[in-house]
Amino acid sequence: MNGSYESVFEILFYRIFRFLINLLPLMKIEKQIILSASFLLFTLFGCSQNDDTKTPTPSATKDFDLDESALAASGYSKIYEENFTGDLSQWQVWEGGAFNEELQLYQRQNLIVSNGILQIKSVKQNVTGPVLPHSDELSDYAYTSGRIESNFAIAASQTNPKIRISARIKLPEAYGMWPAFWSYGNPWPTHGEIDILEATGEKNGYTTNYYYGDQPDVPITNDDLTSEEITTQKDLANSYHVYELIWTKSSITFLLDGEIVETRTASEPGQQYIPYMFGKTQNIILNLAVGGTMFENLDPSKIQPSSMYVDWVKVFRAD
């Protein structure tokens, strides 16, 4: 609506200006006077228009960063930080295939650290590699990408009643890309898994979720009750945004750019397993999968390899 209003003003000004110019032969007025009056009219009209206009909404592509001083003021202290200014010595590099019908081979070459940014790059290339890390079984792959897991492990616990896991990320906007920022512990899912961010190549949305099970490889949580699709007007692919998890004994809360987008509490239907994760350590994962079970009716011919960019990862605690 702002655009159509400005167009009406421009048309009105033009017509007044032409009217004054047409008066010149009749009124014997200097042209310079007419032009000065027209400029004054434009200035006054424009100012009055701006006074009645609301402050424009910030650009959807504006980068966001975390205000650590505000977190400290609210009782949080930082206990882990990775700014990707050196090597990946704080991480384990996953080398091999994975699960969930993903199409890529994860390898170290697709992890690029430069200028304080981790780039996880997917590439279309035919390679052969292990079906899982340290496996003797080999498979052929049409894509490669990257995945890292933190050496640092953390849990909401008696010592750390409230844990806040944060990362500043720019997502790929490309068909077939499955970027993720999450945490889990072994044996999966007996320590739980918390998906802070899973996307599918869209720039205005992502998914949160969590899993738990009391037996290895058997989750007992219900996706229909635990997962949530988050939509936003923010451009998640062309600017950096901060994705966060606040984990306590009875709740998990997901945030985007410091604002809560979803909260799950143990008292809600289907959320009774949240307290079972309390005190059970998890490691932080960053990866970019290609294809997989996140996609319905995936068309491999349309896959567009792209990159996920990570500025930093931080963990805070509070009582």
Protein backbone atom coordinates (compact mmCIF):
# COMPACT_ATOMS: atom_id res chain seq x y z
CA MET A 1 0.00 0.00 0.00
CA ASN A 2 2.88 2.44 0.59
CA GLY A 3 3.89 2.15 -3.06
CA SER A 4 0.44 3.08 -4.45
CA TYR A 5 0.18 6.08 -2.07
CA GLU A 6 3.52 7.45 -3.26
CA SER A 7 2.43 7.03 -6.89
CA VAL A 8 -0.71 9.13 -6.31
CA PHE A 9 1.39 11.88 -4.73
CA GLU A 10 3.80 11.91 -7.66
CA ILE A 11 0.95 12.23 -10.16
CA LEU A 12 -0.66 15.07 -8.15
CA PHE A 13 2.63 16.98 -7.91
CA TYR A 14 3.27 16.60 -11.65
CA ARG A 15 -0.17 17.95 -12.52
CA ILE A 16 0.22 20.98 -10.22
CA PHE A 17 3.65 21.65 -11.68
CA ARG A 18 2.34 21.50 -15.25
CA PHE A 19 -0.55 23.81 -14.30
CA LEU A 20 1.84 26.44 -12.93
CA ILE A 21 4.07 26.20 -15.99
CA ASN A 22 1.06 26.74 -18.24
CA LEU A 23 0.29 29.96 -16.37
CA LEU A 24 3.56 31.53 -17.38
CA PRO A 25 2.34 33.18 -20.62
CA LEU A 26 -0.74 34.59 -18.90
CA MET A 27 0.79 35.81 -15.65
CA LYS A 28 4.20 37.06 -16.87
CA ILE A 29 5.84 35.40 -13.88
CA GLU A 30 9.47 34.41 -13.95
CA LYS A 31 9.96 30.71 -14.60
CA GLN A 32 12.52 30.53 -11.79
CA ILE A 33 9.85 31.66 -9.31
CA ILE A 34 7.49 28.95 -10.49
CA LEU A 35 10.19 26.30 -10.14
CA SER A 36 11.08 27.52 -6.64
CA ALA A 37 7.45 27.40 -5.58
CA SER A 38 7.09 23.91 -7.00
CA PHE A 39 10.13 22.71 -5.09
CA LEU A 40 8.76 24.21 -1.86
CA LEU A 41 5.42 22.49 -2.45
CA PHE A 42 7.14 19.16 -3.00
CA THR A 43 9.21 19.54 0.18
CA LEU A 44 6.26 20.49 2.39
CA PHE A 45 3.97 17.82 0.95
CA GLY A 46 6.64 15.16 1.26
CA CYS A 47 7.42 16.04 4.88
CA SER A 48 3.79 15.98 5.93
CA GLN A 49 3.42 12.61 4.24
CA ASN A 50 6.38 11.17 6.14
CA ASP A 51 5.07 12.43 9.48
CA ASP A 52 1.95 10.28 9.09
CA THR A 53 3.82 7.16 7.95
CA LYS A 54 4.82 4.39 10.35
CA THR A 55 8.48 3.44 10.66
CA PRO A 56 9.16 0.87 7.94
CA THR A 57 9.70 -2.74 8.94
CA PRO A 58 13.40 -3.73 8.96
CA SER A 59 14.55 -5.59 5.89
CA ALA A 60 13.82 -9.32 5.88
CA THR A 61 17.41 -9.91 4.78
CA LYS A 62 18.98 -8.12 7.76
CA ASP A 63 21.58 -10.15 9.64
CA PHE A 64 20.95 -10.85 13.33
CA ASP A 65 23.46 -11.41 16.11
CA LEU A 66 23.14 -12.36 19.75
CA ASP A 67 23.28 -9.75 22.52
CA GLU A 68 25.47 -11.55 25.05
CA SER A 69 25.37 -8.64 27.49
CA ALA A 70 21.59 -9.00 27.72
CA LEU A 71 21.99 -12.74 28.36
CA ALA A 72 24.54 -12.07 31.09
CA ALA A 73 22.19 -9.54 32.68
CA SER A 74 19.46 -12.19 32.77
CA GLY A 75 21.70 -14.68 34.58
CA TYR A 76 23.38 -16.66 31.80
CA SER A 77 27.10 -17.41 31.70
CA LYS A 78 28.94 -18.79 28.67
CA ILE A 79 30.49 -22.24 29.06
CA TYR A 80 31.39 -23.08 25.45
CA GLU A 81 32.26 -21.13 22.32
CA GLU A 82 33.39 -21.94 18.78
CA ASN A 83 34.02 -19.02 16.42
CA PHE A 84 35.64 -21.01 13.58
CA THR A 85 38.78 -18.89 13.57
CA GLY A 86 41.13 -21.89 13.46
CA ASP A 87 40.80 -25.57 12.74
CA LEU A 88 38.08 -28.05 13.67
CA SER A 89 39.96 -29.54 16.64
CA GLN A 90 36.91 -29.07 18.89
CA TRP A 91 34.89 -31.35 16.62
CA GLN A 92 34.74 -34.89 15.32
CA VAL A 93 34.43 -35.02 11.54
CA TRP A 94 31.90 -37.60 10.33
CA GLU A 95 33.34 -39.52 7.37
CA GLY A 96 30.94 -41.93 5.71
CA GLY A 97 27.32 -42.27 4.80
CA ALA A 98 24.49 -41.74 7.26
CA PHE A 99 20.89 -42.69 7.93
CA ASN A 100 17.43 -41.48 6.85
CA GLU A 101 17.92 -42.42 3.18
CA GLU A 102 20.32 -39.52 2.68
CA LEU A 103 22.16 -39.45 -0.65
CA GLN A 104 25.53 -37.96 0.35
CA LEU A 105 28.86 -39.20 1.55
CA TYR A 106 30.10 -37.01 4.39
CA GLN A 107 33.78 -36.14 4.08
CA ARG A 108 36.30 -33.67 5.50
CA GLN A 109 36.91 -31.94 2.16
CA ASN A 110 33.43 -30.41 2.24
CA LEU A 111 34.14 -28.53 5.50
CA ILE A 112 35.76 -25.18 4.75
CA VAL A 113 36.84 -22.78 7.51
CA SER A 114 37.65 -19.29 6.24
CA ASN A 115 37.43 -15.76 7.69
CA GLY A 116 35.68 -16.94 10.84
CA ILE A 117 32.98 -18.88 8.97
CA LEU A 118 32.40 -22.61 8.59
CA GLN A 119 31.07 -23.47 5.16
CA ILE A 120 29.47 -26.90 4.84
CA LYS A 121 29.38 -27.48 1.10
CA SER A 122 27.44 -30.11 -0.79
CA VAL A 123 28.80 -31.18 -4.16
CA LYS A 124 27.41 -33.34 -6.94
CA GLN A 125 30.09 -35.96 -7.57
CA ASN A 126 30.25 -39.72 -7.91
CA VAL A 127 32.26 -41.29 -5.10
CA THR A 128 32.58 -44.54 -3.19
CA GLY A 129 32.82 -44.63 0.59
CA PRO A 130 31.80 -46.39 3.79
CA VAL A 131 28.09 -46.68 4.58
CA LEU A 132 28.91 -45.41 8.10
CA PRO A 133 32.11 -44.14 9.73
CA HIS A 134 34.60 -46.96 10.44
CA SER A 135 32.49 -49.44 8.47
CA ASP A 136 34.08 -51.90 6.04
CA GLU A 137 30.94 -51.92 3.91
CA LEU A 138 31.16 -49.58 0.94
CA SER A 139 28.53 -47.84 -1.16
CA ASP A 140 28.36 -45.52 -4.17
CA TYR A 141 27.19 -41.93 -3.73
CA ALA A 142 26.17 -39.19 -6.16
CA TYR A 143 26.84 -36.34 -3.70
CA THR A 144 29.28 -35.34 -0.97
CA SER A 145 28.78 -32.98 1.97
CA GLY A 146 29.93 -32.34 5.53
CA ARG A 147 29.00 -33.14 9.12
CA ILE A 148 30.70 -32.38 12.44
CA GLU A 149 29.95 -33.39 16.03
CA SER A 150 31.28 -31.47 19.02
CA ASN A 151 33.75 -33.03 21.43
CA PHE A 152 31.97 -30.91 24.01
CA ALA A 153 28.97 -32.64 25.61
CA ILE A 154 26.29 -30.96 27.69
CA ALA A 155 22.99 -31.65 29.39
CA ALA A 156 20.44 -29.85 31.47
CA SER A 157 21.24 -31.27 34.91
CA GLN A 158 21.36 -30.56 38.61
CA THR A 159 24.63 -28.70 38.01
CA ASN A 160 23.30 -26.84 34.97
CA PRO A 161 19.53 -26.51 35.47
CA LYS A 162 19.08 -24.37 32.35
CA ILE A 163 21.15 -24.85 29.20
CA ARG A 164 21.00 -22.52 26.20
CA ILE A 165 22.53 -23.82 22.95
CA SER A 166 22.93 -21.19 20.21
CA ALA A 167 24.30 -20.96 16.67
CA ARG A 168 24.39 -18.22 14.03
CA ILE A 169 23.63 -19.75 10.65
CA LYS A 170 22.82 -18.87 7.06
CA LEU A 171 20.80 -21.59 5.34
CA PRO A 172 20.90 -22.81 1.73
CA GLU A 173 17.89 -21.99 -0.43
CA ALA A 174 18.02 -24.94 -2.81
CA TYR A 175 15.91 -27.97 -3.61
CA GLY A 176 17.00 -31.17 -1.89
CA MET A 177 19.13 -29.53 0.81
CA TRP A 178 18.58 -30.68 4.41
CA PRO A 179 20.67 -28.49 6.77
CA ALA A 180 20.50 -29.28 10.46
CA PHE A 181 21.65 -27.95 13.84
CA TRP A 182 20.88 -30.46 16.58
CA SER A 183 22.14 -32.44 19.54
CA TYR A 184 22.04 -36.08 20.57
CA GLY A 185 23.76 -38.64 22.77
CA ASN A 186 24.60 -42.31 22.38
CA PRO A 187 23.22 -44.88 22.37
CA TRP A 188 20.54 -43.11 20.34
CA PRO A 189 17.87 -42.23 21.44
CA THR A 190 18.38 -43.19 25.09
CA HIS A 191 20.03 -39.82 25.78
CA GLY A 192 17.56 -38.04 23.55
CA GLU A 193 17.88 -35.98 20.39
CA ILE A 194 16.83 -32.34 20.07
CA ASP A 195 16.47 -30.83 16.60
CA ILE A 196 16.93 -27.08 16.99
CA LEU A 197 16.83 -26.54 13.24
CA GLU A 198 16.02 -28.73 10.26
CA ALA A 199 15.23 -27.11 6.92
CA THR A 200 14.46 -28.31 3.41
CA GLY A 201 15.82 -25.59 1.16
CA GLU A 202 13.12 -23.02 1.96
CA LYS A 203 14.11 -19.49 2.96
CA ASN A 204 11.14 -18.76 5.24
CA GLY A 205 10.75 -21.84 7.36
CA TYR A 206 12.26 -24.75 9.27
CA THR A 207 11.27 -27.54 11.69
CA THR A 208 11.99 -28.28 15.36
CA ASN A 209 11.60 -31.68 17.00
CA TYR A 210 12.96 -34.07 19.62
CA TYR A 211 13.22 -37.82 20.19
CA TYR A 212 13.60 -40.11 23.16
CA GLY A 213 13.55 -43.86 23.70
CA ASP A 214 14.49 -46.20 26.54
CA GLN A 215 15.96 -48.78 24.14
CA PRO A 216 18.69 -48.21 21.51
CA ASP A 217 17.36 -47.39 18.02
CA VAL A 218 13.73 -47.33 19.19
CA PRO A 219 12.23 -43.86 19.75
CA ILE A 220 8.98 -43.78 21.70
CA THR A 221 8.14 -40.12 21.08
CA ASN A 222 5.42 -39.24 18.56
CA ASP A 223 6.47 -36.95 15.70
CA ASP A 224 2.92 -35.67 15.33
CA LEU A 225 3.12 -34.29 18.87
CA THR A 226 6.78 -33.30 19.14
CA SER A 227 7.63 -31.69 15.79
CA GLU A 228 6.69 -28.15 14.83
CA GLU A 229 6.97 -26.28 11.53
CA ILE A 230 8.19 -22.72 12.05
CA THR A 231 7.36 -20.09 9.45
CA THR A 232 8.76 -16.56 9.37
CA GLN A 233 8.93 -13.50 7.14
CA LYS A 234 12.67 -13.38 7.73
CA ASP A 235 14.93 -14.47 4.91
CA LEU A 236 16.83 -17.36 6.47
CA ALA A 237 18.87 -18.08 3.33
CA ASN A 238 20.31 -14.67 2.45
CA SER A 239 21.21 -13.46 5.93
CA TYR A 240 22.48 -14.86 9.22
CA HIS A 241 20.05 -15.72 12.01
CA VAL A 242 20.44 -17.13 15.51
CA TYR A 243 18.77 -20.45 16.32
CA GLU A 244 18.56 -21.47 19.97
CA LEU A 245 17.39 -24.11 22.39
CA ILE A 246 16.68 -23.55 26.09
CA TRP A 247 16.68 -26.94 27.81
CA THR A 248 15.44 -27.50 31.37
CA LYS A 249 14.24 -30.55 33.28
CA SER A 250 10.60 -30.08 32.30
CA SER A 251 10.70 -28.06 29.08
CA ILE A 252 12.47 -27.37 25.81
CA THR A 253 12.08 -23.95 24.21
CA PHE A 254 13.11 -22.99 20.68
CA LEU A 255 14.04 -19.43 19.70
CA LEU A 256 14.75 -17.57 16.47
CA ASP A 257 16.69 -14.31 16.77
CA GLY A 258 16.00 -14.15 20.49
CA GLU A 259 12.24 -14.65 20.18
CA ILE A 260 10.46 -17.80 21.34
CA VAL A 261 8.90 -19.70 18.44
CA GLU A 262 7.92 -22.93 20.24
CA THR A 263 7.85 -24.37 23.76
CA ARG A 264 7.26 -27.97 24.81
CA THR A 265 6.53 -28.74 28.47
CA ALA A 266 6.34 -32.12 30.16
CA SER A 267 2.76 -31.49 31.30
CA GLU A 268 1.45 -31.34 27.71
CA PRO A 269 0.12 -34.43 25.88
CA GLY A 270 2.92 -36.42 24.29
CA GLN A 271 5.69 -34.42 26.00
CA GLN A 272 6.09 -36.62 29.07
CA TYR A 273 9.51 -37.84 27.92
CA ILE A 274 11.26 -34.47 28.24
CA PRO A 275 12.32 -35.11 31.88
CA TYR A 276 13.86 -38.44 30.80
CA MET A 277 16.58 -36.49 28.95
CA PHE A 278 17.55 -34.51 32.06
CA GLY A 279 21.13 -35.26 33.09
CA LYS A 280 21.90 -37.24 29.91
CA THR A 281 24.67 -35.63 27.89
CA GLN A 282 24.37 -34.75 24.22
CA ASN A 283 26.83 -33.52 21.61
CA ILE A 284 26.14 -30.70 19.15
CA ILE A 285 25.81 -31.55 15.45
CA LEU A 286 26.05 -29.39 12.32
CA ASN A 287 25.47 -31.03 8.97
CA LEU A 288 24.09 -30.56 5.48
CA ALA A 289 22.37 -33.66 4.12
CA VAL A 290 21.27 -34.19 0.53
CA GLY A 291 17.81 -35.67 0.09
CA GLY A 292 16.49 -38.05 2.71
CA THR A 293 13.28 -38.76 4.59
CA MET A 294 12.59 -35.08 5.24
CA PHE A 295 11.38 -34.86 1.64
CA GLU A 296 8.18 -36.33 0.22
CA ASN A 297 8.44 -37.57 -3.37
CA LEU A 298 11.94 -36.23 -3.81
CA ASP A 299 12.91 -35.68 -7.46
CA PRO A 300 16.68 -36.33 -7.64
CA SER A 301 16.89 -34.57 -11.02
CA LYS A 302 15.96 -31.28 -9.34
CA ILE A 303 18.51 -31.38 -6.51
CA GLN A 304 20.61 -28.21 -6.32
CA PRO A 305 23.82 -28.63 -4.30
CA SER A 306 24.47 -25.61 -2.11
CA SER A 307 26.13 -24.57 1.16
CA MET A 308 25.27 -23.94 4.80
CA TYR A 309 27.27 -21.25 6.60
CA VAL A 310 27.91 -21.17 10.37
CA ASP A 311 29.37 -18.10 12.07
CA TRP A 312 29.60 -19.45 15.61
CA VAL A 313 28.25 -21.94 18.16
CA LYS A 314 27.85 -21.02 21.83
CA VAL A 315 26.45 -22.64 24.96
CA PHE A 316 25.27 -20.81 28.08
CA ARG A 317 24.04 -21.96 31.47
CA ALA A 318 21.80 -20.44 34.12
CA ASP A 319 20.31 -21.52 37.44
